[in-house]
N, C-alpha and C. Protein backbone atom coordinates (compact mmCIF):
# COMPACT_ATOMS: atom_id res chain seq x y z
N MET A 1 4.49 14.91 18.48
CA MET A 1 5.46 14.89 17.42
C MET A 1 6.79 15.40 17.98
N THR A 2 7.82 14.72 17.60
CA THR A 2 9.16 15.09 18.02
C THR A 2 9.77 16.05 17.01
N THR A 3 10.45 17.09 17.49
CA THR A 3 11.17 18.01 16.61
C THR A 3 12.64 17.92 16.96
N ILE A 4 13.47 17.69 15.93
CA ILE A 4 14.91 17.63 16.15
C ILE A 4 15.62 18.43 15.06
N SER A 5 16.85 18.78 15.33
CA SER A 5 17.63 19.52 14.33
C SER A 5 18.13 18.57 13.25
N THR A 6 18.39 19.13 12.09
CA THR A 6 18.92 18.31 11.00
C THR A 6 20.31 17.79 11.37
N LYS A 7 21.04 18.56 12.18
CA LYS A 7 22.36 18.12 12.62
C LYS A 7 22.24 16.86 13.47
N THR A 8 21.31 16.88 14.41
CA THR A 8 21.09 15.70 15.25
C THR A 8 20.61 14.53 14.43
N ALA A 9 19.70 14.79 13.50
CA ALA A 9 19.18 13.72 12.64
C ALA A 9 20.30 13.10 11.82
N GLY A 10 21.20 13.93 11.33
CA GLY A 10 22.29 13.45 10.49
C GLY A 10 23.31 12.61 11.22
N GLU A 11 23.38 12.75 12.55
CA GLU A 11 24.34 11.98 13.32
C GLU A 11 24.08 10.48 13.22
N ASP A 12 22.81 10.08 13.13
CA ASP A 12 22.48 8.67 12.94
C ASP A 12 21.15 8.58 12.19
N LEU A 13 21.21 8.97 10.93
CA LEU A 13 20.02 9.02 10.10
C LEU A 13 19.40 7.63 9.92
N ASP A 14 20.22 6.60 9.78
CA ASP A 14 19.69 5.25 9.62
C ASP A 14 18.82 4.86 10.81
N ALA A 15 19.29 5.15 12.02
CA ALA A 15 18.53 4.82 13.22
C ALA A 15 17.23 5.62 13.27
N LEU A 16 17.28 6.88 12.89
CA LEU A 16 16.09 7.72 12.90
C LEU A 16 15.05 7.20 11.91
N VAL A 17 15.49 6.85 10.72
CA VAL A 17 14.58 6.31 9.71
C VAL A 17 13.95 5.01 10.22
N SER A 18 14.73 4.15 10.81
CA SER A 18 14.20 2.89 11.36
C SER A 18 13.19 3.15 12.45
N LYS A 19 13.48 4.12 13.31
CA LYS A 19 12.56 4.45 14.41
C LYS A 19 11.23 4.96 13.87
N VAL A 20 11.27 5.85 12.88
CA VAL A 20 10.04 6.38 12.28
C VAL A 20 9.26 5.25 11.60
N ALA A 21 9.95 4.39 10.89
CA ALA A 21 9.29 3.28 10.20
C ALA A 21 8.61 2.34 11.20
N ARG A 22 9.27 2.06 12.30
CA ARG A 22 8.70 1.16 13.32
C ARG A 22 7.56 1.79 14.10
N SER A 23 7.76 3.02 14.53
CA SER A 23 6.80 3.67 15.43
C SER A 23 5.62 4.31 14.71
N LYS A 24 5.78 4.58 13.41
CA LYS A 24 4.76 5.27 12.61
C LYS A 24 4.49 6.68 13.15
N LYS A 25 5.45 7.25 13.87
CA LYS A 25 5.33 8.60 14.41
C LYS A 25 6.10 9.56 13.51
N THR A 26 5.55 10.74 13.32
CA THR A 26 6.18 11.76 12.49
C THR A 26 7.26 12.49 13.28
N VAL A 27 8.37 12.79 12.61
CA VAL A 27 9.44 13.58 13.21
C VAL A 27 9.59 14.85 12.37
N LYS A 28 9.65 15.97 13.04
CA LYS A 28 9.82 17.27 12.38
C LYS A 28 11.30 17.62 12.45
N LEU A 29 11.92 17.82 11.29
CA LEU A 29 13.32 18.18 11.22
C LEU A 29 13.45 19.68 10.95
N ARG A 30 14.28 20.34 11.74
CA ARG A 30 14.44 21.78 11.65
C ARG A 30 15.90 22.11 11.34
N ASP A 31 16.10 22.97 10.36
CA ASP A 31 17.48 23.39 10.08
C ASP A 31 17.80 24.66 10.86
N GLY A 32 19.01 25.15 10.74
CA GLY A 32 19.44 26.32 11.48
C GLY A 32 18.79 27.62 11.04
N LEU A 33 18.10 27.61 9.89
CA LEU A 33 17.47 28.82 9.37
C LEU A 33 15.97 28.88 9.68
N GLY A 34 15.47 27.88 10.38
CA GLY A 34 14.04 27.86 10.73
C GLY A 34 13.16 27.13 9.75
N SER A 35 13.74 26.50 8.75
CA SER A 35 12.94 25.71 7.80
C SER A 35 12.66 24.33 8.40
N PHE A 36 11.54 23.75 7.97
CA PHE A 36 11.15 22.45 8.49
C PHE A 36 10.87 21.48 7.36
N ILE A 37 11.10 20.21 7.62
CA ILE A 37 10.59 19.12 6.80
C ILE A 37 10.07 18.06 7.77
N TYR A 38 9.24 17.18 7.26
CA TYR A 38 8.67 16.14 8.10
C TYR A 38 9.11 14.78 7.59
N LEU A 39 9.48 13.93 8.50
CA LEU A 39 9.86 12.56 8.19
C LEU A 39 8.71 11.68 8.66
N VAL A 40 8.05 11.00 7.70
CA VAL A 40 6.90 10.15 8.03
C VAL A 40 7.11 8.75 7.46
N SER A 41 6.47 7.77 8.09
CA SER A 41 6.57 6.40 7.60
C SER A 41 5.78 6.24 6.30
N ARG A 42 6.09 5.22 5.57
CA ARG A 42 5.37 4.94 4.32
C ARG A 42 3.89 4.71 4.60
N GLU A 43 3.58 3.98 5.67
CA GLU A 43 2.19 3.72 6.02
C GLU A 43 1.44 5.01 6.33
N GLU A 44 2.09 5.92 7.05
CA GLU A 44 1.46 7.20 7.38
C GLU A 44 1.21 8.02 6.11
N LEU A 45 2.18 8.05 5.21
CA LEU A 45 2.02 8.79 3.96
C LEU A 45 0.91 8.17 3.10
N ASP A 46 0.87 6.84 3.03
CA ASP A 46 -0.20 6.18 2.28
C ASP A 46 -1.57 6.54 2.86
N GLY A 47 -1.67 6.58 4.19
CA GLY A 47 -2.92 6.94 4.84
C GLY A 47 -3.32 8.38 4.54
N LEU A 48 -2.35 9.27 4.56
CA LEU A 48 -2.62 10.67 4.24
C LEU A 48 -3.10 10.83 2.80
N LYS A 49 -2.46 10.10 1.88
CA LYS A 49 -2.87 10.15 0.47
C LYS A 49 -4.29 9.62 0.30
N ALA A 50 -4.61 8.51 0.96
CA ALA A 50 -5.95 7.92 0.86
C ALA A 50 -6.99 8.88 1.42
N THR A 51 -6.67 9.52 2.53
CA THR A 51 -7.60 10.48 3.12
C THR A 51 -7.84 11.65 2.18
N ALA A 52 -6.79 12.13 1.56
CA ALA A 52 -6.93 13.25 0.62
C ALA A 52 -7.78 12.84 -0.59
N GLU A 53 -7.56 11.63 -1.10
CA GLU A 53 -8.33 11.16 -2.25
C GLU A 53 -9.81 11.02 -1.89
N LEU A 54 -10.10 10.44 -0.73
CA LEU A 54 -11.50 10.27 -0.31
C LEU A 54 -12.15 11.63 -0.04
N SER A 55 -11.39 12.55 0.55
CA SER A 55 -11.92 13.87 0.85
C SER A 55 -12.26 14.65 -0.42
N ALA A 56 -11.62 14.31 -1.53
CA ALA A 56 -11.84 15.02 -2.78
C ALA A 56 -13.14 14.57 -3.47
N ILE A 57 -13.72 13.47 -3.03
CA ILE A 57 -14.96 12.96 -3.63
C ILE A 57 -16.13 13.77 -3.06
N PRO A 58 -16.90 14.43 -3.91
CA PRO A 58 -18.02 15.24 -3.42
C PRO A 58 -19.00 14.40 -2.59
N GLY A 59 -19.31 14.90 -1.39
CA GLY A 59 -20.27 14.24 -0.52
C GLY A 59 -19.70 13.10 0.32
N MET A 60 -18.45 12.73 0.10
CA MET A 60 -17.88 11.59 0.81
C MET A 60 -17.81 11.82 2.32
N LYS A 61 -17.36 12.99 2.72
CA LYS A 61 -17.24 13.26 4.16
C LYS A 61 -18.61 13.16 4.83
N GLU A 62 -19.62 13.75 4.24
CA GLU A 62 -20.95 13.71 4.80
C GLU A 62 -21.47 12.27 4.87
N SER A 63 -21.22 11.51 3.81
CA SER A 63 -21.65 10.11 3.77
C SER A 63 -20.98 9.29 4.87
N LEU A 64 -19.68 9.50 5.06
CA LEU A 64 -18.96 8.78 6.11
C LEU A 64 -19.46 9.16 7.50
N MET A 65 -19.70 10.45 7.70
CA MET A 65 -20.19 10.89 9.01
C MET A 65 -21.59 10.33 9.29
N LYS A 66 -22.43 10.28 8.26
CA LYS A 66 -23.77 9.72 8.43
C LYS A 66 -23.68 8.23 8.75
N SER A 67 -22.85 7.51 8.01
CA SER A 67 -22.74 6.07 8.25
C SER A 67 -22.10 5.78 9.61
N ARG A 68 -21.24 6.65 10.07
CA ARG A 68 -20.62 6.48 11.38
C ARG A 68 -21.66 6.55 12.50
N ALA A 69 -22.69 7.34 12.28
CA ALA A 69 -23.73 7.51 13.28
C ALA A 69 -24.77 6.38 13.25
N THR A 70 -24.70 5.52 12.23
CA THR A 70 -25.66 4.43 12.11
C THR A 70 -25.34 3.33 13.12
N PRO A 71 -26.33 2.92 13.92
CA PRO A 71 -26.09 1.82 14.87
C PRO A 71 -25.71 0.54 14.14
N VAL A 72 -24.80 -0.21 14.68
CA VAL A 72 -24.30 -1.42 14.03
C VAL A 72 -25.43 -2.42 13.77
N GLU A 73 -26.47 -2.40 14.60
CA GLU A 73 -27.60 -3.31 14.41
C GLU A 73 -28.33 -3.04 13.10
N GLU A 74 -28.22 -1.82 12.59
CA GLU A 74 -28.89 -1.45 11.34
C GLU A 74 -28.03 -1.73 10.12
N CYS A 75 -26.80 -2.16 10.31
CA CYS A 75 -25.88 -2.41 9.20
C CYS A 75 -26.08 -3.81 8.64
N LEU A 76 -25.80 -3.94 7.37
CA LEU A 76 -25.88 -5.22 6.69
C LEU A 76 -24.68 -6.07 7.10
N PRO A 77 -24.91 -7.32 7.52
CA PRO A 77 -23.77 -8.19 7.87
C PRO A 77 -22.86 -8.39 6.65
N GLU A 78 -21.57 -8.48 6.89
CA GLU A 78 -20.60 -8.58 5.78
C GLU A 78 -20.89 -9.74 4.86
N GLU A 79 -21.30 -10.88 5.42
CA GLU A 79 -21.55 -12.07 4.58
C GLU A 79 -22.76 -11.88 3.65
N GLU A 80 -23.59 -10.89 3.92
CA GLU A 80 -24.75 -10.61 3.07
C GLU A 80 -24.47 -9.52 2.04
N PHE A 81 -23.31 -8.87 2.14
CA PHE A 81 -22.97 -7.78 1.23
C PHE A 81 -22.54 -8.33 -0.12
N ASP A 82 -23.05 -7.77 -1.20
CA ASP A 82 -22.73 -8.20 -2.56
C ASP A 82 -21.58 -7.36 -3.11
N TRP A 83 -20.35 -7.85 -2.92
CA TRP A 83 -19.17 -7.12 -3.37
C TRP A 83 -19.10 -7.00 -4.88
N LYS A 84 -19.61 -8.01 -5.60
CA LYS A 84 -19.59 -7.96 -7.07
C LYS A 84 -20.48 -6.83 -7.58
N LYS A 85 -21.61 -6.63 -6.94
CA LYS A 85 -22.51 -5.55 -7.34
C LYS A 85 -21.83 -4.19 -7.14
N LEU A 86 -21.09 -4.05 -6.04
CA LEU A 86 -20.38 -2.81 -5.75
C LEU A 86 -19.31 -2.54 -6.80
N SER A 87 -18.55 -3.56 -7.18
CA SER A 87 -17.46 -3.35 -8.15
C SER A 87 -17.99 -2.96 -9.52
N HIS A 88 -19.22 -3.39 -9.87
CA HIS A 88 -19.80 -2.99 -11.15
C HIS A 88 -20.31 -1.57 -11.13
N ALA A 89 -20.57 -1.05 -9.94
CA ALA A 89 -21.07 0.31 -9.82
C ALA A 89 -19.97 1.35 -10.02
N CYS A 90 -18.74 0.95 -9.87
CA CYS A 90 -17.62 1.90 -9.94
C CYS A 90 -17.18 2.17 -11.37
């Protein structure tokens, strides 16, 4: 992660915003008093929000970790998965 001063960021804020949007890398902005803010891309923020929402579901982390350890040979092929059945369960 790159850390820059707010003064430097302000010199060409448009370019900085474009760079963050393209690179999807977070930039930490620091003012002269030691305060910080973070500049993140929309995609990164959306991902963080989704992670927080999934993490809030009881048992979700454990379920994901268990499924991650499952060999792909034991998984149901996508064409055999019943998406309609899943949507009714929600």
